[in-house]
């Protein structure tokens, strides 16, 4: 299915009135509506416990049926306009299937369950991100010729899904080991003092502390060959947009979250400040990868901007090993790795010496294969 999507949508000229846009809308809404209906049917298995108290079943049910109607109508339009009938038909069938699932009992019935998939987190994050960043990239595009469905978007969607559905798996390899290793050295008195500070102050402290660790982890990923083989996957995209932020190897996710969680654990920040930080970094990471032309002449030295991070992803020689900070460019200034010239980068991706395969699975096994070849 993903291969057919790539062949039909990636790097193809989308013409007005051709039915391709309506086919994409029908397929996208059909998939999301089906997943949402499954969340209603199996809430204990598929939804995130922390989010459940925030949900209003009536509103969500109304949104679900509205999405099904829009998706089905889009499929009909594509069927009438697109010479390739299969995508419009597939969209109609997916939305009809979602409607069939939702026609039964979809009132959520929660009970305690330790294991869950977090499918609702994936749906909400993808939907909100798409609604915010797709229009932003259309109206304020840095590269106007870059297509919405550019090459590699299917691979990046898979990364997006994996990183959001694998919350428990990532926690098992990051938060739990950190707690086991360092719990004996935690200071309750210190924690109480830190968590009693104003939330805004805690939020700023988290940014300063975590970004210091992130800077050196990121820099090590570029300098240590075995780590670069992992991190190079993130740099393999030749296009920068909101989806490019998702292309991160699972080993890198584990390392970043494990090391990033350690200072949070020791400092004892309040849950509210930690959640605010997590929400901020989720959308900030997407924003700095987005295909937007915002430059922020003065603010760009205070907080990392798309211009700042795009230079980090550039394959041009002047940009190699520059701009490692995730949030605070001051660290790059202090450690002499900052690079923000007046002009914008033109090329992205890894250098000619690093060849990254295409596809989600091939990129997951790439670091191991590369190591094996070196040892042979």
Protein backbone atom coordinates (compact mmCIF):
# COMPACT_ATOMS: atom_id res chain seq x y z
CA UNK A 1 0.00 0.00 0.00
CA UNK A 2 2.76 2.46 0.96
CA UNK A 3 4.62 1.63 -2.26
CA UNK A 4 1.52 2.43 -4.31
CA UNK A 5 1.07 5.70 -2.39
CA UNK A 6 4.64 6.71 -3.17
CA UNK A 7 4.24 5.86 -6.84
CA UNK A 8 0.99 7.80 -7.16
CA UNK A 9 1.57 10.88 -5.01
CA UNK A 10 5.29 11.56 -4.48
CA UNK A 11 6.82 14.23 -6.70
CA UNK A 12 3.87 14.24 -9.11
CA UNK A 13 2.38 17.42 -10.42
CA UNK A 14 -0.98 17.92 -8.74
CA UNK A 15 -3.32 19.67 -11.14
CA UNK A 16 -6.44 21.51 -10.09
CA UNK A 17 -9.57 19.59 -10.96
CA UNK A 18 -7.70 16.32 -11.47
CA UNK A 19 -9.17 14.65 -8.38
CA UNK A 20 -5.76 14.02 -6.78
CA UNK A 21 -6.27 16.43 -3.89
CA UNK A 22 -9.73 15.04 -3.16
CA UNK A 23 -8.31 11.50 -3.31
CA UNK A 24 -5.64 12.43 -0.76
CA UNK A 25 -8.26 14.03 1.52
CA UNK A 26 -10.52 10.99 1.21
CA UNK A 27 -7.73 8.55 2.02
CA UNK A 28 -6.34 10.62 4.88
CA UNK A 29 -9.71 11.17 6.55
CA UNK A 30 -10.71 7.57 5.92
CA UNK A 31 -7.62 6.25 7.68
CA UNK A 32 -7.89 8.70 10.60
CA UNK A 33 -11.66 8.12 10.98
CA UNK A 34 -11.16 4.35 11.03
CA UNK A 35 -8.44 4.65 13.68
CA UNK A 36 -10.63 7.05 15.71
CA UNK A 37 -13.59 4.64 15.55
CA UNK A 38 -11.33 1.87 16.83
CA UNK A 39 -10.33 4.14 19.73
CA UNK A 40 -14.01 4.46 20.65
CA UNK A 41 -14.54 0.71 20.42
CA UNK A 42 -11.41 -0.26 22.38
CA UNK A 43 -10.58 2.79 24.53
CA UNK A 44 -8.75 0.87 27.27
CA UNK A 45 -6.37 -0.75 24.83
CA UNK A 46 -5.86 2.09 22.34
CA UNK A 47 -6.19 5.41 24.20
CA UNK A 48 -3.88 7.27 26.58
CA UNK A 49 -5.07 7.20 30.24
CA UNK A 50 -3.83 10.75 30.95
CA UNK A 51 -5.96 12.13 28.12
CA UNK A 52 -9.22 10.30 28.87
CA UNK A 53 -10.57 12.78 31.48
CA UNK A 54 -10.23 15.57 28.90
CA UNK A 55 -12.41 13.93 26.26
CA UNK A 56 -16.05 14.80 25.56
CA UNK A 57 -17.59 11.77 23.87
CA UNK A 58 -20.42 13.72 22.18
CA UNK A 59 -18.09 16.28 20.60
CA UNK A 60 -15.63 13.61 19.46
CA UNK A 61 -18.44 11.50 18.00
CA UNK A 62 -19.74 14.52 16.07
CA UNK A 63 -16.26 15.25 14.71
CA UNK A 64 -15.85 11.62 13.72
CA UNK A 65 -19.07 11.54 11.66
CA UNK A 66 -18.30 14.94 10.11
CA UNK A 67 -14.89 13.62 9.02
CA UNK A 68 -16.50 10.50 7.55
CA UNK A 69 -18.94 12.61 5.51
CA UNK A 70 -16.21 14.95 4.22
CA UNK A 71 -13.96 11.99 3.40
CA UNK A 72 -16.69 10.07 1.58
CA UNK A 73 -17.72 13.11 -0.48
CA UNK A 74 -14.06 13.75 -1.35
CA UNK A 75 -13.81 10.15 -2.53
CA UNK A 76 -16.85 10.64 -4.78
CA UNK A 77 -15.33 13.81 -6.25
CA UNK A 78 -12.04 12.01 -6.93
CA UNK A 79 -13.92 9.12 -8.53
CA UNK A 80 -15.58 11.53 -10.95
CA UNK A 81 -12.47 13.59 -11.79
CA UNK A 82 -9.43 11.34 -11.42
CA UNK A 83 -8.67 8.92 -14.29
CA UNK A 84 -7.24 6.56 -11.66
CA UNK A 85 -10.44 5.47 -9.91
CA UNK A 86 -8.84 3.25 -7.29
CA UNK A 87 -7.82 6.04 -4.90
CA UNK A 88 -11.23 7.67 -4.81
CA UNK A 89 -12.83 4.26 -4.37
CA UNK A 90 -10.33 3.35 -1.62
CA UNK A 91 -11.16 6.59 0.18
CA UNK A 92 -14.90 5.95 -0.07
CA UNK A 93 -14.51 2.38 1.23
CA UNK A 94 -12.32 3.48 4.15
CA UNK A 95 -14.82 6.14 5.20
CA UNK A 96 -17.72 3.73 4.77
CA UNK A 97 -15.87 1.23 6.95
CA UNK A 98 -15.26 3.91 9.59
CA UNK A 99 -18.97 4.77 9.52
CA UNK A 100 -19.83 1.08 9.92
CA UNK A 101 -17.55 0.80 12.95
CA UNK A 102 -18.95 4.01 14.45
CA UNK A 103 -22.56 2.94 13.90
CA UNK A 104 -22.37 0.55 16.84
CA UNK A 105 -21.85 1.28 20.51
CA UNK A 106 -19.03 3.82 20.64
CA UNK A 107 -19.55 5.23 24.12
CA UNK A 108 -16.16 4.81 25.81
CA UNK A 109 -16.15 2.52 28.83
CA UNK A 110 -12.88 3.03 30.68
CA UNK A 111 -11.30 0.79 33.25
CA UNK A 112 -7.75 0.64 34.56
CA UNK A 113 -5.23 -0.95 32.24
CA UNK A 114 -1.47 -0.76 32.50
CA UNK A 115 -0.79 -1.36 28.81
CA UNK A 116 -2.15 0.89 26.08
CA UNK A 117 -1.24 1.80 22.49
CA UNK A 118 -1.72 5.59 22.57
CA UNK A 119 -3.45 5.62 19.19
CA UNK A 120 -5.44 8.71 20.20
CA UNK A 121 -2.18 10.61 20.83
CA UNK A 122 -1.01 9.79 17.30
CA UNK A 123 -4.33 10.84 15.72
CA UNK A 124 -4.62 14.12 17.62
CA UNK A 125 -0.99 15.12 17.13
CA UNK A 126 -1.03 14.33 13.42
CA UNK A 127 -4.34 16.11 12.88
CA UNK A 128 -3.39 19.24 14.84
CA UNK A 129 0.07 19.40 13.26
CA UNK A 130 -1.36 19.04 9.76
CA UNK A 131 -4.03 21.69 10.36
CA UNK A 132 -1.45 24.15 11.70
CA UNK A 133 1.62 23.54 9.56
CA UNK A 134 0.24 22.63 6.12
CA UNK A 135 -1.54 26.01 5.72
CA UNK A 136 1.49 27.77 7.23
CA UNK A 137 3.77 26.16 4.64
CA UNK A 138 1.37 27.00 1.82
CA UNK A 139 1.05 30.71 2.72
CA UNK A 140 4.60 31.37 4.00
CA UNK A 141 6.62 28.81 2.06
CA UNK A 142 10.37 29.22 1.95
CA UNK A 143 10.58 27.02 -1.15
CA UNK A 144 7.33 27.60 -3.01
CA UNK A 145 8.06 24.96 -5.63
CA UNK A 146 8.32 22.21 -3.00
CA UNK A 147 5.33 19.89 -3.17
CA UNK A 148 3.15 18.99 -0.21
CA UNK A 149 3.59 15.30 -1.03
CA UNK A 150 7.31 15.53 -1.72
CA UNK A 151 9.56 12.49 -1.97
CA UNK A 152 9.92 10.68 1.32
CA UNK A 153 6.64 11.81 2.90
CA UNK A 154 5.33 8.24 3.22
CA UNK A 155 8.50 7.23 5.08
CA UNK A 156 8.18 10.22 7.40
CA UNK A 157 4.54 9.40 8.16
CA UNK A 158 5.71 5.96 9.28
CA UNK A 159 8.30 7.57 11.56
CA UNK A 160 5.59 9.89 12.91
CA UNK A 161 3.35 6.92 13.68
CA UNK A 162 6.14 4.86 15.26
CA UNK A 163 7.33 7.66 17.56
CA UNK A 164 3.80 8.41 18.77
CA UNK A 165 2.53 4.85 19.11
CA UNK A 166 5.74 3.70 20.79
CA UNK A 167 5.35 5.87 23.88
CA UNK A 168 5.27 2.92 26.28
CA UNK A 169 8.15 1.18 24.53
CA UNK A 170 10.28 4.32 24.68
CA UNK A 171 9.35 4.81 28.35
CA UNK A 172 10.40 1.24 29.09
CA UNK A 173 13.87 1.89 27.66
CA UNK A 174 14.28 5.46 28.96
CA UNK A 175 12.26 6.65 31.96
CA UNK A 176 12.10 3.35 33.84
CA UNK A 177 15.87 2.58 33.59
CA UNK A 178 16.72 6.16 34.62
CA UNK A 179 14.48 5.89 37.67
CA UNK A 180 16.00 2.54 38.66
CA UNK A 181 19.58 3.75 38.24
CA UNK A 182 19.29 7.15 39.89
CA UNK A 183 16.35 6.93 42.29
CA UNK A 184 18.61 6.29 45.31
CA UNK A 185 20.36 9.65 44.84
CA UNK A 186 17.26 11.82 44.60
CA UNK A 187 16.74 14.53 47.22
CA UNK A 188 13.06 14.99 48.27
CA UNK A 189 13.80 18.32 49.99
CA UNK A 190 15.42 19.70 46.84
CA UNK A 191 12.53 18.41 44.73
CA UNK A 192 10.02 20.17 46.95
CA UNK A 193 11.90 23.44 46.66
CA UNK A 194 12.22 23.20 42.85
CA UNK A 195 8.60 22.17 42.25
CA UNK A 196 7.42 25.05 44.46
CA UNK A 197 8.80 27.67 42.06
CA UNK A 198 6.52 29.53 39.61
CA UNK A 199 5.73 27.40 36.54
CA UNK A 200 7.22 29.95 34.14
CA UNK A 201 10.53 29.88 36.01
CA UNK A 202 10.55 26.07 36.05
CA UNK A 203 9.84 26.00 32.32
CA UNK A 204 12.80 28.31 31.58
CA UNK A 205 15.06 26.27 33.84
CA UNK A 206 14.08 23.06 32.04
CA UNK A 207 14.95 24.62 28.68
CA UNK A 208 18.35 25.81 29.93
CA UNK A 209 19.32 22.56 31.65
CA UNK A 210 17.98 20.02 29.15
CA UNK A 211 19.30 21.93 26.14
CA UNK A 212 22.80 21.92 27.60
CA UNK A 213 22.71 18.11 27.69
CA UNK A 214 21.00 17.97 24.28
CA UNK A 215 23.68 20.16 22.74
CA UNK A 216 26.47 17.75 23.68
CA UNK A 217 24.49 14.65 22.77
CA UNK A 218 23.73 16.17 19.38
CA UNK A 219 27.33 17.24 18.83
CA UNK A 220 28.53 13.74 19.77
CA UNK A 221 26.12 12.27 17.23
CA UNK A 222 27.99 14.18 14.54
CA UNK A 223 31.51 13.55 15.79
CA UNK A 224 31.45 9.87 16.84
CA UNK A 225 31.26 7.63 13.72
CA UNK A 226 29.09 4.92 15.30
CA UNK A 227 26.62 7.56 16.54
CA UNK A 228 26.66 9.40 13.21
CA UNK A 229 25.42 6.26 11.44
CA UNK A 230 22.32 6.51 13.63
CA UNK A 231 21.86 10.28 13.46
CA UNK A 232 22.49 10.41 9.70
CA UNK A 233 19.01 8.96 9.20
CA UNK A 234 17.55 12.24 10.49
CA UNK A 235 19.67 14.17 7.99
CA UNK A 236 18.78 11.92 5.05
CA UNK A 237 15.78 13.96 3.89
CA UNK A 238 16.52 16.31 1.00
CA UNK A 239 13.47 18.40 1.84
CA UNK A 240 12.65 20.39 4.96
CA UNK A 241 9.05 20.57 6.11
CA UNK A 242 6.91 19.76 9.13
CA UNK A 243 7.09 16.01 8.50
CA UNK A 244 10.90 15.95 8.29
CA UNK A 245 11.09 16.40 12.07
CA UNK A 246 9.69 12.87 12.53
CA UNK A 247 12.54 11.11 10.73
CA UNK A 248 14.52 10.06 13.82
CA UNK A 249 16.01 6.59 14.32
CA UNK A 250 14.62 4.66 17.29
CA UNK A 251 18.12 4.37 18.85
CA UNK A 252 18.44 8.15 18.77
CA UNK A 253 15.00 8.57 20.32
CA UNK A 254 16.00 6.29 23.19
CA UNK A 255 19.34 8.04 23.79
CA UNK A 256 17.83 11.53 23.68
CA UNK A 257 14.94 10.71 25.98
CA UNK A 258 17.08 8.75 28.44
CA UNK A 259 19.74 11.44 28.82
CA UNK A 260 17.19 14.26 28.64
CA UNK A 261 15.10 12.69 31.40
CA UNK A 262 18.01 12.42 33.85
CA UNK A 263 18.22 16.16 34.70
CA UNK A 264 14.42 16.33 34.98
CA UNK A 265 14.53 13.40 37.39
CA UNK A 266 17.27 14.91 39.55
CA UNK A 267 15.86 18.44 39.60
CA UNK A 268 12.31 17.40 40.52
CA UNK A 269 10.31 19.81 38.38
CA UNK A 270 6.55 19.74 38.86
CA UNK A 271 4.42 17.60 36.49
CA UNK A 272 2.71 20.74 35.12
CA UNK A 273 6.05 22.32 34.16
CA UNK A 274 7.28 19.04 32.64
CA UNK A 275 4.09 18.61 30.57
CA UNK A 276 4.33 22.22 29.38
CA UNK A 277 7.91 21.53 28.29
CA UNK A 278 6.93 18.33 26.47
CA UNK A 279 4.12 20.07 24.57
CA UNK A 280 6.45 22.94 23.67
CA UNK A 281 9.27 20.72 22.35
CA UNK A 282 6.81 18.64 20.32
CA UNK A 283 5.56 21.61 18.31
CA UNK A 284 8.84 23.53 18.36
CA UNK A 285 10.63 20.56 16.76
CA UNK A 286 8.06 20.52 13.96
CA UNK A 287 8.22 24.29 13.51
CA UNK A 288 12.01 24.52 13.12
CA UNK A 289 11.91 21.89 10.36
CA UNK A 290 8.98 23.51 8.55
CA UNK A 291 9.23 24.91 5.03
CA UNK A 292 8.61 28.51 6.12
CA UNK A 293 10.45 31.73 5.34
CA UNK A 294 10.25 33.34 8.81
CA UNK A 295 13.65 34.77 9.81
CA UNK A 296 13.16 36.62 13.15
CA UNK A 297 16.15 39.04 12.83
CA UNK A 298 16.81 39.47 16.58
CA UNK A 299 14.83 36.69 18.23
CA UNK A 300 16.74 34.04 16.26
CA UNK A 301 19.63 34.42 18.75
CA UNK A 302 17.32 33.85 21.72
CA UNK A 303 15.41 30.75 20.60
CA UNK A 304 16.14 28.34 17.74
CA UNK A 305 14.16 29.24 14.61
CA UNK A 306 13.53 27.47 11.29
CA UNK A 307 16.36 29.49 9.71
CA UNK A 308 18.77 28.41 12.48
CA UNK A 309 17.90 24.72 12.22
CA UNK A 310 17.69 24.65 8.43
CA UNK A 311 21.37 25.60 8.35
CA UNK A 312 22.10 22.60 10.57
CA UNK A 313 20.44 20.35 7.98
CA UNK A 314 22.16 21.94 5.01
CA UNK A 315 24.60 19.76 3.05
CA UNK A 316 26.60 22.83 2.01
CA UNK A 317 30.16 22.73 3.37
CA UNK A 318 29.87 25.99 5.31
CA UNK A 319 27.06 24.43 7.37
CA UNK A 320 28.78 21.18 8.37
CA UNK A 321 28.68 20.55 12.13
CA UNK A 322 26.94 23.81 12.98
CA UNK A 323 23.90 24.85 15.08
CA UNK A 324 23.59 21.86 17.42
CA UNK A 325 21.31 23.51 20.00
CA UNK A 326 17.69 22.40 20.01
CA UNK A 327 16.32 25.53 21.70
CA UNK A 328 19.00 28.01 22.79
CA UNK A 329 21.49 29.25 20.15
CA UNK A 330 23.60 30.74 22.95
CA UNK A 331 25.20 27.33 23.44
CA UNK A 332 26.40 27.34 19.84
CA UNK A 333 27.72 30.86 20.33
CA UNK A 334 29.59 29.88 23.51
CA UNK A 335 31.08 26.72 22.00
CA UNK A 336 31.76 28.35 18.62
CA UNK A 337 29.46 26.26 16.44
CA UNK A 338 26.92 28.96 15.50
CA UNK A 339 26.28 29.69 11.82
CA UNK A 340 23.64 32.19 10.69
CA UNK A 341 24.69 34.06 7.54
CA UNK A 342 22.46 36.55 5.73
CA UNK A 343 21.52 34.12 2.96
CA UNK A 344 19.42 30.95 3.31
CA UNK A 345 20.62 27.38 2.65
CA UNK A 346 19.86 25.85 -0.74
CA UNK A 347 20.63 22.14 -0.31
CA UNK A 348 19.77 19.59 2.38
CA UNK A 349 20.69 16.03 3.22
CA UNK A 350 23.84 14.14 4.12
CA UNK A 351 27.18 14.59 2.35
CA UNK A 352 28.27 12.40 -0.55
CA UNK A 353 30.25 10.20 1.86
CA UNK A 354 27.09 9.05 3.65
CA UNK A 355 24.55 7.08 1.62
CA UNK A 356 21.27 6.46 3.44
CA UNK A 357 18.80 3.97 1.90
CA UNK A 358 15.19 4.92 1.22
CA UNK A 359 12.34 3.46 3.23
CA UNK A 360 11.47 3.13 6.92
CA UNK A 361 12.66 -0.46 7.49
CA UNK A 362 15.86 -0.03 5.45
CA UNK A 363 16.77 3.04 7.50
CA UNK A 364 16.07 1.27 10.80
CA UNK A 365 18.58 -1.49 10.00
CA UNK A 366 21.05 0.82 8.22
CA UNK A 367 23.32 1.54 11.26
CA UNK A 368 23.71 -2.20 11.99
CA UNK A 369 24.36 -3.10 8.36
CA UNK A 370 26.91 -0.35 8.01
CA UNK A 371 28.74 -1.56 11.10
CA UNK A 372 28.74 -5.12 9.89
CA UNK A 373 30.24 -4.13 6.54
CA UNK A 374 32.97 -2.19 8.28
CA UNK A 375 33.88 -5.18 10.44
CA UNK A 376 34.00 -7.57 7.48
